[in-house]
Protein backbone atom coordinates (compact mmCIF):
# COMPACT_ATOMS: atom_id res chain seq x y z
CA MET A 1 23.18 -17.17 32.62
CA SER A 2 22.49 -14.24 30.27
CA SER A 3 23.25 -10.62 31.10
CA LEU A 4 20.69 -7.85 31.36
CA ARG A 5 22.01 -6.46 28.04
CA GLU A 6 21.57 -9.84 26.29
CA ASP A 7 18.02 -10.14 27.65
CA ALA A 8 17.21 -6.62 26.45
CA GLU A 9 18.61 -7.38 22.97
CA THR A 10 16.56 -10.59 22.79
CA ILE A 11 13.39 -8.68 23.70
CA VAL A 12 14.08 -6.01 21.08
CA ARG A 13 14.83 -8.56 18.32
CA ARG A 14 11.66 -10.53 19.07
CA ALA A 15 9.53 -7.37 19.20
CA ILE A 16 10.85 -6.24 15.81
CA ALA A 17 10.35 -9.70 14.29
CA GLN A 18 6.72 -9.76 15.46
CA ASN A 19 6.03 -6.38 13.84
CA LEU A 20 7.60 -6.89 10.43
CA PRO A 21 5.24 -6.53 7.45
CA GLY A 22 5.31 -10.22 6.48
CA PRO A 23 4.22 -11.66 9.84
CA ALA A 24 1.62 -8.89 10.23
CA VAL A 25 0.03 -9.77 6.88
CA ARG A 26 0.09 -13.50 7.61
CA ALA A 27 -1.67 -12.87 10.92
CA ALA A 28 -4.28 -10.64 9.24
CA LEU A 29 -4.98 -13.32 6.62
CA GLU A 30 -5.38 -16.18 9.09
CA GLY A 31 -8.48 -18.11 8.04
CA PHE A 32 -8.62 -16.30 4.68
CA GLN A 33 -11.48 -17.51 2.47
CA PRO A 34 -10.90 -17.09 -1.28
CA PRO A 35 -13.62 -15.36 -3.32
CA ALA A 36 -15.96 -17.17 -5.68
CA GLY A 37 -14.50 -15.10 -8.50
CA ARG A 38 -11.11 -13.56 -9.18
CA LEU A 39 -8.57 -12.46 -6.58
CA VAL A 40 -6.46 -9.41 -7.43
CA LEU A 41 -3.69 -8.10 -5.18
CA VAL A 42 -2.68 -4.43 -5.05
CA ALA A 43 0.11 -3.46 -2.64
CA ILE A 44 1.28 0.13 -2.15
CA GLY A 45 3.87 1.81 0.06
CA LYS A 46 7.41 1.27 1.29
CA ALA A 47 6.50 -2.13 2.78
CA ALA A 48 4.44 -3.18 -0.25
CA TRP A 49 6.84 -5.82 -1.54
CA ALA A 50 7.18 -7.60 1.82
CA MET A 51 3.42 -7.43 2.37
CA ALA A 52 2.69 -8.78 -1.11
CA GLN A 53 5.20 -11.60 -0.80
CA ALA A 54 3.60 -12.76 2.45
CA ALA A 55 0.07 -12.45 1.06
CA ALA A 56 0.98 -14.38 -2.10
CA GLU A 57 2.35 -17.21 0.04
CA VAL A 58 -0.88 -17.34 2.07
CA VAL A 59 -3.38 -17.21 -0.81
CA GLY A 60 -1.30 -19.38 -3.15
CA ASP A 61 -2.68 -20.42 -6.53
CA VAL A 62 -6.02 -18.62 -6.09
CA LEU A 63 -4.28 -15.33 -6.85
CA ASP A 64 -5.13 -14.25 -10.40
CA ALA A 65 -2.98 -11.13 -10.75
CA GLY A 66 -1.39 -8.37 -8.75
CA ILE A 67 0.82 -5.32 -8.61
CA VAL A 68 3.31 -3.94 -6.09
CA ILE A 69 4.06 -0.21 -6.11
CA THR A 70 6.96 0.64 -3.83
CA LYS A 71 9.90 2.98 -3.39
CA TYR A 72 13.00 2.72 -5.58
CA GLY A 73 15.30 -0.03 -4.29
CA HIS A 74 12.57 -1.80 -2.27
CA VAL A 75 11.69 -4.66 -4.65
CA LYS A 76 13.61 -7.70 -3.41
CA GLY A 77 12.74 -10.16 -6.19
CA PRO A 78 9.89 -11.48 -8.32
CA ILE A 79 6.53 -12.58 -6.91
CA ASP A 80 4.53 -15.08 -8.97
CA LYS A 81 1.63 -13.43 -10.88
CA VAL A 82 2.53 -10.00 -9.44
CA ILE A 83 3.99 -7.07 -11.37
CA CYS A 84 6.55 -5.15 -9.28
CA ARG A 85 7.02 -1.43 -9.90
CA GLU A 86 9.24 1.13 -8.18
CA ALA A 87 8.44 4.82 -8.04
CA GLY A 88 9.16 8.17 -6.39
CA HIS A 89 8.96 8.94 -2.68
CA PRO A 90 8.31 11.35 -0.96
CA VAL A 91 7.50 13.28 -4.15
CA VAL A 92 5.32 11.69 -6.84
CA ASP A 93 7.02 11.03 -10.16
CA ALA A 94 5.97 9.72 -13.58
CA ALA A 95 6.67 6.14 -12.47
CA SER A 96 4.18 6.57 -9.59
CA VAL A 97 1.46 7.64 -12.00
CA ALA A 98 2.21 4.94 -14.58
CA ALA A 99 2.18 2.18 -11.95
CA THR A 100 -1.04 3.50 -10.39
CA ARG A 101 -2.74 3.44 -13.78
CA GLU A 102 -1.67 -0.19 -14.14
CA ALA A 103 -3.34 -0.91 -10.79
CA GLU A 104 -6.48 0.91 -11.91
CA ALA A 105 -6.58 -1.20 -15.08
CA LEU A 106 -6.28 -4.41 -13.00
CA VAL A 107 -9.42 -3.65 -11.00
CA ARG A 108 -11.54 -1.72 -13.48
CA ASP A 109 -13.58 -4.64 -14.86
CA LEU A 110 -14.05 -6.75 -11.73
CA GLY A 111 -17.44 -8.17 -10.78
CA PRO A 112 -19.38 -8.74 -7.54
CA ASP A 113 -17.82 -12.18 -6.97
CA ASP A 114 -14.28 -10.79 -7.21
CA LEU A 115 -12.03 -9.57 -4.40
CA VAL A 116 -9.25 -6.99 -4.28
CA LEU A 117 -6.69 -7.71 -1.57
CA PHE A 118 -5.40 -4.19 -0.95
CA LEU A 119 -2.18 -3.92 1.08
CA VAL A 120 -1.36 -0.41 2.27
CA SER A 121 1.76 0.88 4.03
CA GLY A 122 3.56 4.14 4.68
CA GLY A 123 4.63 6.09 1.62
CA GLY A 124 1.50 5.15 -0.27
CA SER A 125 0.49 8.78 -0.78
CA ALA A 126 3.47 9.47 -3.04
CA LEU A 127 3.73 6.03 -4.60
CA PHE A 128 0.03 5.55 -5.45
CA GLU A 129 -1.21 8.50 -7.45
CA ASP A 130 -3.25 9.40 -10.51
CA PRO A 131 -3.52 13.18 -10.22
CA ILE A 132 -6.27 15.44 -11.55
CA VAL A 133 -3.67 18.22 -11.90
CA SER A 134 -0.39 18.13 -13.78
CA LEU A 135 2.42 16.05 -12.29
CA ALA A 136 4.57 19.19 -12.08
CA ASP A 137 1.88 21.03 -10.11
CA LEU A 138 1.35 18.09 -7.75
CA ALA A 139 5.09 17.74 -7.12
CA ASP A 140 5.33 21.48 -6.47
CA VAL A 141 2.45 21.41 -3.97
CA THR A 142 4.01 18.43 -2.18
CA ARG A 143 7.43 20.09 -1.95
CA GLN A 144 5.90 23.29 -0.59
CA LEU A 145 3.92 21.38 2.06
CA LEU A 146 7.04 19.46 3.11
CA ALA A 147 9.13 22.64 3.22
CA CYS A 148 6.64 24.54 5.39
CA GLY A 149 6.47 21.77 7.99
CA ALA A 150 2.88 20.70 7.35
CA SER A 151 1.83 17.56 9.26
CA ILE A 152 1.11 14.33 7.39
CA ASP A 153 -2.60 14.80 8.14
CA GLN A 154 -2.52 18.25 6.53
CA ILE A 155 -0.49 17.08 3.53
CA ASN A 156 -2.76 14.10 2.88
CA THR A 157 -5.93 16.17 3.25
CA ILE A 158 -4.76 18.32 0.35
CA ARG A 159 -3.48 15.33 -1.67
CA LYS A 160 -6.91 13.67 -1.48
CA HIS A 161 -8.50 16.56 -3.36
CA LEU A 162 -5.96 16.37 -6.19
CA SER A 163 -6.27 12.63 -6.88
CA ARG A 164 -8.35 10.04 -8.72
CA VAL A 165 -7.42 7.26 -6.24
CA LYS A 166 -7.25 8.87 -2.79
CA GLY A 167 -10.08 9.57 -0.36
CA GLY A 168 -11.90 6.30 -1.09
CA ARG A 169 -11.81 6.71 -4.86
CA PHE A 170 -9.74 3.56 -5.44
CA ALA A 171 -12.29 1.44 -3.54
CA HIS A 172 -15.03 3.03 -5.62
CA LEU A 173 -13.12 2.13 -8.79
CA CYS A 174 -12.97 -1.52 -7.63
CA SER A 175 -16.77 -1.68 -7.25
CA PRO A 176 -18.75 -3.95 -7.51
CA ALA A 177 -15.85 -6.13 -6.33
CA ARG A 178 -15.20 -6.28 -2.60
CA VAL A 179 -12.03 -4.73 -1.17
CA HIS A 180 -10.22 -6.42 1.73
CA ALA A 181 -7.68 -3.87 2.98
CA ILE A 182 -4.77 -4.62 5.30
CA VAL A 183 -3.25 -1.35 6.49
CA LEU A 184 0.09 -0.87 8.25
CA SER A 185 -0.09 2.50 9.96
CA ASP A 186 2.75 5.00 9.96
CA VAL A 187 0.72 7.90 11.35
CA VAL A 188 -0.14 8.86 14.92
CA GLY A 189 -3.71 7.89 15.73
CA ASP A 190 -3.92 5.28 12.93
CA ARG A 191 -6.59 7.23 11.03
CA LEU A 192 -7.59 5.27 7.92
CA ASP A 193 -8.42 8.46 6.05
CA THR A 194 -4.85 9.68 6.59
CA ILE A 195 -2.74 6.55 5.96
CA ALA A 196 -1.70 6.79 2.27
CA SER A 197 -4.48 9.41 1.98
CA GLY A 198 -7.19 6.79 2.45
CA PRO A 199 -7.56 5.22 -1.03
CA ALA A 200 -10.02 2.66 0.36
CA TYR A 201 -11.58 4.83 3.06
């Protein structure tokens, strides 16, 4: 007979396992129907690699190309047909911008029969960025917002106005292809315009 402590530990382990990025993505892709055209995967955030690995396993050979943009030290190995990039978090760096421009190039010439599988997780605001201001200015603004105790909603509201990919602009760039977004929330209230600054919302 197990103890109360052992039962509690079992419950906690199972709860964590059910909420890991991989199982969440597999559940979201249950019954996935591939597009008539190309399938491109773009995964951003601290959980991007785990999300992309799970998605690639589900969609299999129909995946044409993809990119993961995640925090330094978070790539755990290669994923077939997917470029893996690491970049700065919580402050944008040159690697963030370079990787984001690679993602933009992947989706720029898609057509109406194509689909972008867009996997979004926490940290996406720093990791996925193509700024309309200088990188130094953007980093300075971000540091000041963090230092003054601004909320994530407030920080991301400002970030959206300084970016070519936030505030729905990435989805617009994918057009006329469809975008199927799977979003893991790290913000209170789960607002899609706030998570990673809403690149597809």
